[in-house]
PDB file of N, CA and C in Angstrom:
ATOM      1  N   MET A   1     211.641-100.981 169.273  1.00  0.00           N
ATOM      2  CA  MET A   1     210.623-100.371 170.121  1.00  0.00           C
ATOM      3  C   MET A   1     209.324-100.223 169.333  1.00  0.00           C
ATOM      4  N   THR A   2     208.225-100.371 170.031  1.00  0.00           N
ATOM      5  CA  THR A   2     206.918-100.184 169.413  1.00  0.00           C
ATOM      6  C   THR A   2     206.517 -98.710 169.525  1.00  0.00           C
ATOM      7  N   ASN A   3     205.471 -98.353 168.810  1.00  0.00           N
ATOM      8  CA  ASN A   3     204.959 -96.980 168.917  1.00  0.00           C
ATOM      9  C   ASN A   3     204.513 -96.667 170.337  1.00  0.00           C
ATOM     10  N   LYS A   4     203.966 -97.662 171.038  1.00  0.00           N
ATOM     11  CA  LYS A   4     203.557 -97.450 172.427  1.00  0.00           C
ATOM     12  C   LYS A   4     204.776 -97.147 173.297  1.00  0.00           C
ATOM     13  N   ASP A   5     205.885 -97.874 173.066  1.00  0.00           N
ATOM     14  CA  ASP A   5     207.119 -97.616 173.810  1.00  0.00           C
ATOM     15  C   ASP A   5     207.615 -96.196 173.562  1.00  0.00           C
ATOM     16  N   TYR A   6     207.601 -95.784 172.289  1.00  0.00           N
ATOM     17  CA  TYR A   6     208.037 -94.424 171.968  1.00  0.00           C
ATOM     18  C   TYR A   6     207.118 -93.388 172.609  1.00  0.00           C
ATOM     19  N   SER A   7     205.827 -93.677 172.641  1.00  0.00           N
ATOM     20  CA  SER A   7     204.880 -92.752 173.259  1.00  0.00           C
ATOM     21  C   SER A   7     205.199 -92.547 174.741  1.00  0.00           C
ATOM     22  N   LEU A   8     205.460 -93.643 175.465  1.00  0.00           N
ATOM     23  CA  LEU A   8     205.839 -93.536 176.881  1.00  0.00           C
ATOM     24  C   LEU A   8     207.150 -92.766 177.042  1.00  0.00           C
ATOM     25  N   LEU A   9     208.081 -93.061 176.166  1.00  0.00           N
ATOM     26  CA  LEU A   9     209.393 -92.419 176.234  1.00  0.00           C
ATOM     27  C   LEU A   9     209.285 -90.911 176.016  1.00  0.00           C
ATOM     28  N   PHE A  10     208.587 -90.514 174.964  1.00  0.00           N
ATOM     29  CA  PHE A  10     208.498 -89.084 174.671  1.00  0.00           C
ATOM     30  C   PHE A  10     207.628 -88.350 175.688  1.00  0.00           C
ATOM     31  N   ARG A  11     206.659 -89.037 176.264  1.00  0.00           N
ATOM     32  CA  ARG A  11     205.888 -88.430 177.360  1.00  0.00           C
ATOM     33  C   ARG A  11     206.805 -88.146 178.536  1.00  0.00           C
ATOM     34  N   ALA A  12     207.657 -89.108 178.852  1.00  0.00           N
ATOM     35  CA  ALA A  12     208.592 -88.931 179.969  1.00  0.00           C
ATOM     36  C   ALA A  12     209.564 -87.786 179.702  1.00  0.00           C
ATOM     37  N   LEU A  13     209.943 -87.618 178.459  1.00  0.00           N
ATOM     38  CA  LEU A  13     210.908 -86.574 178.106  1.00  0.00           C
ATOM     39  C   LEU A  13     210.275 -85.194 177.937  1.00  0.00           C
ATOM     40  N   SER A  14     208.954 -85.121 178.008  1.00  0.00           N
ATOM     41  CA  SER A  14     208.269 -83.856 177.711  1.00  0.00           C
ATOM     42  C   SER A  14     208.114 -82.934 178.919  1.00  0.00           C
ATOM     43  N   ASP A  15     208.737 -83.274 180.026  1.00  0.00           N
ATOM     44  CA  ASP A  15     208.584 -82.476 181.240  1.00  0.00           C
ATOM     45  C   ASP A  15     209.937 -81.894 181.657  1.00  0.00           C
ATOM     46  N   GLU A  16     209.956 -80.616 181.983  1.00  0.00           N
ATOM     47  CA  GLU A  16     211.200 -79.930 182.338  1.00  0.00           C
ATOM     48  C   GLU A  16     211.873 -80.539 183.570  1.00  0.00           C
ATOM     49  N   THR A  17     211.109 -80.907 184.580  1.00  0.00           N
ATOM     50  CA  THR A  17     211.686 -81.498 185.786  1.00  0.00           C
ATOM     51  C   THR A  17     212.342 -82.833 185.464  1.00  0.00           C
ATOM     52  N   ARG A  18     211.667 -83.648 184.649  1.00  0.00           N
ATOM     53  CA  ARG A  18     212.250 -84.947 184.294  1.00  0.00           C
ATOM     54  C   ARG A  18     213.499 -84.774 183.448  1.00  0.00           C
ATOM     55  N   LEU A  19     213.524 -83.760 182.605  1.00  0.00           N
ATOM     56  CA  LEU A  19     214.742 -83.486 181.830  1.00  0.00           C
ATOM     57  C   LEU A  19     215.889 -83.073 182.753  1.00  0.00           C
ATOM     58  N   LYS A  20     215.584 -82.333 183.796  1.00  0.00           N
ATOM     59  CA  LYS A  20     216.618 -81.966 184.773  1.00  0.00           C
ATOM     60  C   LYS A  20     217.143 -83.215 185.485  1.00  0.00           C
ATOM     61  N   ILE A  21     216.256 -84.137 185.810  1.00  0.00           N
ATOM     62  CA  ILE A  21     216.677 -85.378 186.466  1.00  0.00           C
ATOM     63  C   ILE A  21     217.580 -86.177 185.529  1.00  0.00           C
ATOM     64  N   ILE A  22     217.193 -86.294 184.272  1.00  0.00           N
ATOM     65  CA  ILE A  22     218.007 -87.025 183.299  1.00  0.00           C
ATOM     66  C   ILE A  22     219.364 -86.365 183.138  1.00  0.00           C
ATOM     67  N   THR A  23     219.395 -85.059 183.072  1.00  0.00           N
ATOM     68  CA  THR A  23     220.666 -84.335 182.957  1.00  0.00           C
ATOM     69  C   THR A  23     221.555 -84.623 184.156  1.00  0.00           C
ATOM     70  N   PHE A  24     220.974 -84.647 185.339  1.00  0.00           N
ATOM     71  CA  PHE A  24     221.741 -84.948 186.549  1.00  0.00           C
ATOM     72  C   PHE A  24     222.297 -86.372 186.512  1.00  0.00           C
ATOM     73  N   LEU A  25     221.507 -87.317 186.002  1.00  0.00           N
ATOM     74  CA  LEU A  25     221.936 -88.711 185.978  1.00  0.00           C
ATOM     75  C   LEU A  25     222.872 -89.040 184.821  1.00  0.00           C
ATOM     76  N   LYS A  26     223.067 -88.111 183.894  1.00  0.00           N
ATOM     77  CA  LYS A  26     223.923 -88.362 182.729  1.00  0.00           C
ATOM     78  C   LYS A  26     225.380 -88.632 183.098  1.00  0.00           C
ATOM     79  N   SER A  27     225.777 -88.327 184.299  1.00  0.00           N
ATOM     80  CA  SER A  27     227.162 -88.569 184.725  1.00  0.00           C
ATOM     81  C   SER A  27     227.513 -90.048 184.671  1.00  0.00           C
ATOM     82  N   GLY A  28     226.489 -90.892 184.683  1.00  0.00           N
ATOM     83  CA  GLY A  28     226.719 -92.329 184.650  1.00  0.00           C
ATOM     84  C   GLY A  28     226.836 -92.947 186.025  1.00  0.00           C
ATOM     85  N   LYS A  29     226.934 -92.113 187.048  1.00  0.00           N
ATOM     86  CA  LYS A  29     227.026 -92.612 188.421  1.00  0.00           C
ATOM     87  C   LYS A  29     225.633 -92.922 188.957  1.00  0.00           C
ATOM     88  N   GLU A  30     225.597 -93.772 189.947  1.00  0.00           N
ATOM     89  CA  GLU A  30     224.354 -94.070 190.647  1.00  0.00           C
ATOM     90  C   GLU A  30     224.134 -92.984 191.698  1.00  0.00           C
ATOM     91  N   HIS A  31     222.908 -92.482 191.773  1.00  0.00           N
ATOM     92  CA  HIS A  31     222.576 -91.427 192.729  1.00  0.00           C
ATOM     93  C   HIS A  31     221.353 -91.823 193.533  1.00  0.00           C
ATOM     94  N   CYS A  32     221.369 -91.438 194.804  1.00  0.00           N
ATOM     95  CA  CYS A  32     220.191 -91.705 195.632  1.00  0.00           C
ATOM     96  C   CYS A  32     219.184 -90.567 195.442  1.00  0.00           C
ATOM     97  N   ALA A  33     217.955 -90.855 195.831  1.00  0.00           N
ATOM     98  CA  ALA A  33     216.893 -89.859 195.697  1.00  0.00           C
ATOM     99  C   ALA A  33     217.247 -88.580 196.446  1.00  0.00           C
ATOM    100  N   CYS A  34     217.928 -88.718 197.580  1.00  0.00           N
ATOM    101  CA  CYS A  34     218.286 -87.524 198.357  1.00  0.00           C
ATOM    102  C   CYS A  34     219.211 -86.605 197.563  1.00  0.00           C
ATOM    103  N   GLN A  35     220.121 -87.164 196.786  1.00  0.00           N
ATOM    104  CA  GLN A  35     221.029 -86.350 195.976  1.00  0.00           C
ATOM    105  C   GLN A  35     220.279 -85.653 194.849  1.00  0.00           C
ATOM    106  N   ILE A  36     219.327 -86.347 194.267  1.00  0.00           N
ATOM    107  CA  ILE A  36     218.522 -85.738 193.202  1.00  0.00           C
ATOM    108  C   ILE A  36     217.686 -84.603 193.770  1.00  0.00           C
ATOM    109  N   LEU A  37     217.095 -84.827 194.941  1.00  0.00           N
ATOM    110  CA  LEU A  37     216.269 -83.789 195.584  1.00  0.00           C
ATOM    111  C   LEU A  37     217.063 -82.522 195.864  1.00  0.00           C
ATOM    112  N   GLU A  38     218.345 -82.670 196.194  1.00  0.00           N
ATOM    113  CA  GLU A  38     219.176 -81.506 196.488  1.00  0.00           C
ATOM    114  C   GLU A  38     219.332 -80.586 195.284  1.00  0.00           C
ATOM    115  N   THR A  39     219.172 -81.124 194.079  1.00  0.00           N
ATOM    116  CA  THR A  39     219.366 -80.320 192.866  1.00  0.00           C
ATOM    117  C   THR A  39     218.074 -79.688 192.361  1.00  0.00           C
ATOM    118  N   LEU A  40     216.944 -80.066 192.956  1.00  0.00           N
ATOM    119  CA  LEU A  40     215.643 -79.599 192.482  1.00  0.00           C
ATOM    120  C   LEU A  40     214.890 -78.884 193.598  1.00  0.00           C
ATOM    121  N   THR A  41     213.919 -78.101 193.220  1.00  0.00           N
ATOM    122  CA  THR A  41     213.079 -77.428 194.216  1.00  0.00           C
ATOM    123  C   THR A  41     211.693 -78.073 194.203  1.00  0.00           C
ATOM    124  N   ILE A  42     211.670 -79.383 194.507  1.00  0.00           N
ATOM    125  CA  ILE A  42     210.424 -80.129 194.562  1.00  0.00           C
ATOM    126  C   ILE A  42     210.409 -80.967 195.836  1.00  0.00           C
ATOM    127  N   SER A  43     209.247 -81.477 196.184  1.00  0.00           N
ATOM    128  CA  SER A  43     209.115 -82.318 197.372  1.00  0.00           C
ATOM    129  C   SER A  43     209.471 -83.769 197.038  1.00  0.00           C
ATOM    130  N   GLN A  44     209.647 -84.575 198.066  1.00  0.00           N
ATOM    131  CA  GLN A  44     209.960 -85.986 197.864  1.00  0.00           C
ATOM    132  C   GLN A  44     208.821 -86.722 197.151  1.00  0.00           C
ATOM    133  N   PRO A  45     207.552 -86.485 197.519  1.00  0.00           N
ATOM    134  CA  PRO A  45     206.479 -87.150 196.775  1.00  0.00           C
ATOM    135  C   PRO A  45     206.443 -86.769 195.290  1.00  0.00           C
ATOM    136  N   THR A  46     206.755 -85.504 194.991  1.00  0.00           N
ATOM    137  CA  THR A  46     206.798 -85.068 193.591  1.00  0.00           C
ATOM    138  C   THR A  46     207.937 -85.763 192.864  1.00  0.00           C
ATOM    139  N   LEU A  47     209.090 -85.904 193.520  1.00  0.00           N
ATOM    140  CA  LEU A  47     210.203 -86.630 192.909  1.00  0.00           C
ATOM    141  C   LEU A  47     209.792 -88.074 192.623  1.00  0.00           C
ATOM    142  N   SER A  48     209.130 -88.715 193.567  1.00  0.00           N
ATOM    143  CA  SER A  48     208.682 -90.099 193.369  1.00  0.00           C
ATOM    144  C   SER A  48     207.767 -90.224 192.158  1.00  0.00           C
ATOM    145  N   TYR A  49     206.889 -89.257 191.987  1.00  0.00           N
ATOM    146  CA  TYR A  49     205.987 -89.243 190.830  1.00  0.00           C
ATOM    147  C   TYR A  49     206.786 -89.197 189.528  1.00  0.00           C
ATOM    148  N   HIS A  50     207.757 -88.297 189.454  1.00  0.00           N
ATOM    149  CA  HIS A  50     208.560 -88.159 188.236  1.00  0.00           C
ATOM    150  C   HIS A  50     209.425 -89.394 187.995  1.00  0.00           C
ATOM    151  N   MET A  51     209.972 -89.966 189.064  1.00  0.00           N
ATOM    152  CA  MET A  51     210.814 -91.149 188.905  1.00  0.00           C
ATOM    153  C   MET A  51     209.977 -92.334 188.417  1.00  0.00           C
ATOM    154  N   LYS A  52     208.738 -92.433 188.854  1.00  0.00           N
ATOM    155  CA  LYS A  52     207.860 -93.505 188.394  1.00  0.00           C
ATOM    156  C   LYS A  52     207.654 -93.414 186.883  1.00  0.00           C
ATOM    157  N   ILE A  53     207.445 -92.224 186.377  1.00  0.00           N
ATOM    158  CA  ILE A  53     207.253 -92.035 184.938  1.00  0.00           C
ATOM    159  C   ILE A  53     208.531 -92.395 184.181  1.00  0.00           C
ATOM    160  N   LEU A  54     209.683 -91.972 184.700  1.00  0.00           N
ATOM    161  CA  LEU A  54     210.949 -92.305 184.053  1.00  0.00           C
ATOM    162  C   LEU A  54     211.206 -93.810 184.069  1.00  0.00           C
ATOM    163  N   LEU A  55     210.840 -94.474 185.163  1.00  0.00           N
ATOM    164  CA  LEU A  55     210.982 -95.937 185.256  1.00  0.00           C
ATOM    165  C   LEU A  55     210.075 -96.638 184.251  1.00  0.00           C
ATOM    166  N   GLU A  56     208.835 -96.213 184.169  1.00  0.00           N
ATOM    167  CA  GLU A  56     207.880 -96.831 183.242  1.00  0.00           C
ATOM    168  C   GLU A  56     208.336 -96.686 181.795  1.00  0.00           C
ATOM    169  N   ALA A  57     209.022 -95.602 181.489  1.00  0.00           N
ATOM    170  CA  ALA A  57     209.524 -95.381 180.135  1.00  0.00           C
ATOM    171  C   ALA A  57     210.827 -96.137 179.886  1.00  0.00           C
ATOM    172  N   GLY A  58     211.391 -96.722 180.928  1.00  0.00           N
ATOM    173  CA  GLY A  58     212.635 -97.471 180.782  1.00  0.00           C
ATOM    174  C   GLY A  58     213.879 -96.605 180.757  1.00  0.00           C
ATOM    175  N   LEU A  59     213.724 -95.326 181.083  1.00  0.00           N
ATOM    176  CA  LEU A  59     214.862 -94.407 181.028  1.00  0.00           C
ATOM    177  C   LEU A  59     215.827 -94.560 182.195  1.00  0.00           C
ATOM    178  N   ILE A  60     215.344 -95.062 183.311  1.00  0.00           N
ATOM    179  CA  ILE A  60     216.200 -95.216 184.484  1.00  0.00           C
ATOM    180  C   ILE A  60     216.012 -96.604 185.089  1.00  0.00           C
ATOM    181  N   HIS A  61     216.995 -96.994 185.882  1.00  0.00           N
ATOM    182  CA  HIS A  61     216.929 -98.212 186.687  1.00  0.00           C
ATOM    183  C   HIS A  61     216.946 -97.785 188.144  1.00  0.00           C
ATOM    184  N   ALA A  62     216.278 -98.553 188.984  1.00  0.00           N
ATOM    185  CA  ALA A  62     216.209 -98.219 190.400  1.00  0.00           C
ATOM    186  C   ALA A  62     216.492 -99.458 191.238  1.00  0.00           C
ATOM    187  N   ARG A  63     217.118 -99.215 192.387  1.00  0.00           N
ATOM    188  CA  ARG A  63     217.291-100.284 193.362  1.00  0.00           C
ATOM    189  C   ARG A  63     217.156 -99.664 194.741  1.00  0.00           C
ATOM    190  N   LYS A  64     216.599-100.444 195.641  1.00  0.00           N
ATOM    191  CA  LYS A  64     216.393 -99.961 196.998  1.00  0.00           C
ATOM    192  C   LYS A  64     217.511-100.475 197.890  1.00  0.00           C
ATOM    193  N   GLN A  65     218.069 -99.565 198.686  1.00  0.00           N
ATOM    194  CA  GLN A  65     219.076 -99.925 199.684  1.00  0.00           C
ATOM    195  C   GLN A  65     218.703 -99.210 200.973  1.00  0.00           C
ATOM    196  N   GLY A  66     218.308 -99.968 201.961  1.00  0.00           N
ATOM    197  CA  GLY A  66     217.858 -99.356 203.204  1.00  0.00           C
ATOM    198  C   GLY A  66     216.577 -98.584 202.958  1.00  0.00           C
ATOM    199  N   THR A  67     216.591 -97.328 203.348  1.00  0.00           N
ATOM    200  CA  THR A  67     215.399 -96.499 203.157  1.00  0.00           C
ATOM    201  C   THR A  67     215.454 -95.672 201.878  1.00  0.00           C
ATOM    202  N   TRP A  68     216.562 -95.734 201.144  1.00  0.00           N
ATOM    203  CA  TRP A  68     216.742 -94.900 199.950  1.00  0.00           C
ATOM    204  C   TRP A  68     216.655 -95.705 198.672  1.00  0.00           C
ATOM    205  N   MET A  69     216.173 -95.035 197.643  1.00  0.00           N
ATOM    206  CA  MET A  69     216.200 -95.581 196.294  1.00  0.00           C
ATOM    207  C   MET A  69     217.424 -95.004 195.584  1.00  0.00           C
ATOM    208  N   TRP A  70     218.088 -95.841 194.814  1.00  0.00           N
ATOM    209  CA  TRP A  70     219.266 -95.447 194.042  1.00  0.00           C
ATOM    210  C   TRP A  70     218.939 -95.590 192.563  1.00  0.00           C
ATOM    211  N   TYR A  71     219.322 -94.580 191.773  1.00  0.00           N
ATOM    212  CA  TYR A  71     218.925 -94.517 190.373  1.00  0.00           C
ATOM    213  C   TYR A  71     220.125 -94.371 189.449  1.00  0.00           C
ATOM    214  N   THR A  72     220.006 -94.998 188.275  1.00  0.00           N
ATOM    215  CA  THR A  72     220.971 -94.825 187.189  1.00  0.00           C
ATOM    216  C   THR A  72     220.190 -94.605 185.896  1.00  0.00           C
ATOM    217  N   LEU A  73     220.838 -93.941 184.967  1.00  0.00           N
ATOM    218  CA  LEU A  73     220.242 -93.655 183.663  1.00  0.00           C
ATOM    219  C   LEU A  73     220.564 -94.790 182.697  1.00  0.00           C
ATOM    220  N   ASP A  74     219.582 -95.191 181.904  1.00  0.00           N
ATOM    221  CA  ASP A  74     219.802 -96.180 180.846  1.00  0.00           C
ATOM    222  C   ASP A  74     219.994 -95.426 179.536  1.00  0.00           C
ATOM    223  N   LYS A  75     221.242 -95.177 179.192  1.00  0.00           N
ATOM    224  CA  LYS A  75     221.545 -94.370 178.012  1.00  0.00           C
ATOM    225  C   LYS A  75     221.138 -95.053 176.712  1.00  0.00           C
ATOM    226  N   SER A  76     221.032 -96.376 176.721  1.00  0.00           N
ATOM    227  CA  SER A  76     220.645 -97.086 175.496  1.00  0.00           C
ATOM    228  C   SER A  76     219.225 -96.711 175.067  1.00  0.00           C
ATOM    229  N   VAL A  77     218.361 -96.418 176.024  1.00  0.00           N
ATOM    230  CA  VAL A  77     216.994 -96.019 175.693  1.00  0.00           C
ATOM    231  C   VAL A  77     216.996 -94.641 175.039  1.00  0.00           C
ATOM    232  N   LEU A  78     217.862 -93.753 175.505  1.00  0.00           N
ATOM    233  CA  LEU A  78     217.971 -92.435 174.866  1.00  0.00           C
ATOM    234  C   LEU A  78     218.499 -92.570 173.439  1.00  0.00           C
ATOM    235  N   LYS A  79     219.399 -93.505 173.219  1.00  0.00           N
ATOM    236  CA  LYS A  79     219.904 -93.736 171.864  1.00  0.00           C
ATOM    237  C   LYS A  79     218.790 -94.247 170.965  1.00  0.00           C
ATOM    238  N   GLN A  80     217.933 -95.105 171.502  1.00  0.00           N
ATOM    239  CA  GLN A  80     216.796 -95.600 170.717  1.00  0.00           C
ATOM    240  C   GLN A  80     215.839 -94.463 170.386  1.00  0.00           C
ATOM    241  N   ALA A  81     215.681 -93.519 171.287  1.00  0.00           N
ATOM    242  CA  ALA A  81     214.834 -92.361 171.007  1.00  0.00           C
ATOM    243  C   ALA A  81     215.379 -91.580 169.832  1.00  0.00           C
ATOM    244  N   GLY A  82     216.691 -91.421 169.792  1.00  0.00           N
ATOM    245  CA  GLY A  82     217.320 -90.729 168.676  1.00  0.00           C
ATOM    246  C   GLY A  82     217.130 -91.476 167.364  1.00  0.00           C
ATOM    247  N   GLN A  83     217.103 -92.793 167.413  1.00  0.00           N
ATOM    248  CA  GLN A  83     216.922 -93.595 166.207  1.00  0.00           C
ATOM    249  C   GLN A  83     215.522 -93.413 165.627  1.00  0.00           C
ATOM    250  N   PHE A  84     214.569 -93.050 166.449  1.00  0.00           N
ATOM    251  CA  PHE A  84     213.216 -92.794 165.973  1.00  0.00           C
ATOM    252  C   PHE A  84     213.221 -91.708 164.906  1.00  0.00           C
ATOM    253  N   PHE A  85     214.118 -90.745 165.060  1.00  0.00           N
ATOM    254  CA  PHE A  85     214.179 -89.608 164.131  1.00  0.00           C
ATOM    255  C   PHE A  85     215.248 -89.783 163.063  1.00  0.00           C
ATOM    256  N   ASN A  86     215.781 -90.968 162.935  1.00  0.00           N
ATOM    257  CA  ASN A  86     216.835 -91.229 161.953  1.00  0.00           C
ATOM    258  C   ASN A  86     216.204 -91.360 160.562  1.00  0.00           C
ATOM    259  N   PHE A  87     216.145 -90.252 159.863  1.00  0.00           N
ATOM    260  CA  PHE A  87     215.565 -90.237 158.525  1.00  0.00           C
ATOM    261  C   PHE A  87     216.596 -90.677 157.519  1.00  0.00           C
ATOM    262  N   LYS A  88     216.145 -91.377 156.503  1.00  0.00           N
ATOM    263  CA  LYS A  88     217.064 -91.826 155.436  1.00  0.00           C
ATOM    264  C   LYS A  88     216.622 -91.305 154.117  1.00  0.00           C
TER     265      LYS A  88
END
């Protein structure tokens, strides 16, 4: 990863709502936006804003089915974030 990639990643991780979304997606299952909304006290447009940032950072994958977006967490990107702090 480049420094720019890490910058996007840590920006995405610096928000409490996005951390809640990541925690919800840690189960490894695919979840639709409606399921994520049920766990948060935010509007659908606000969720879309946060999901866009997580997508740009590469933390999640998205696919559209019908009218809903379905999301999964990319745990390999979180592992790379941890490697950034791997001091020797």
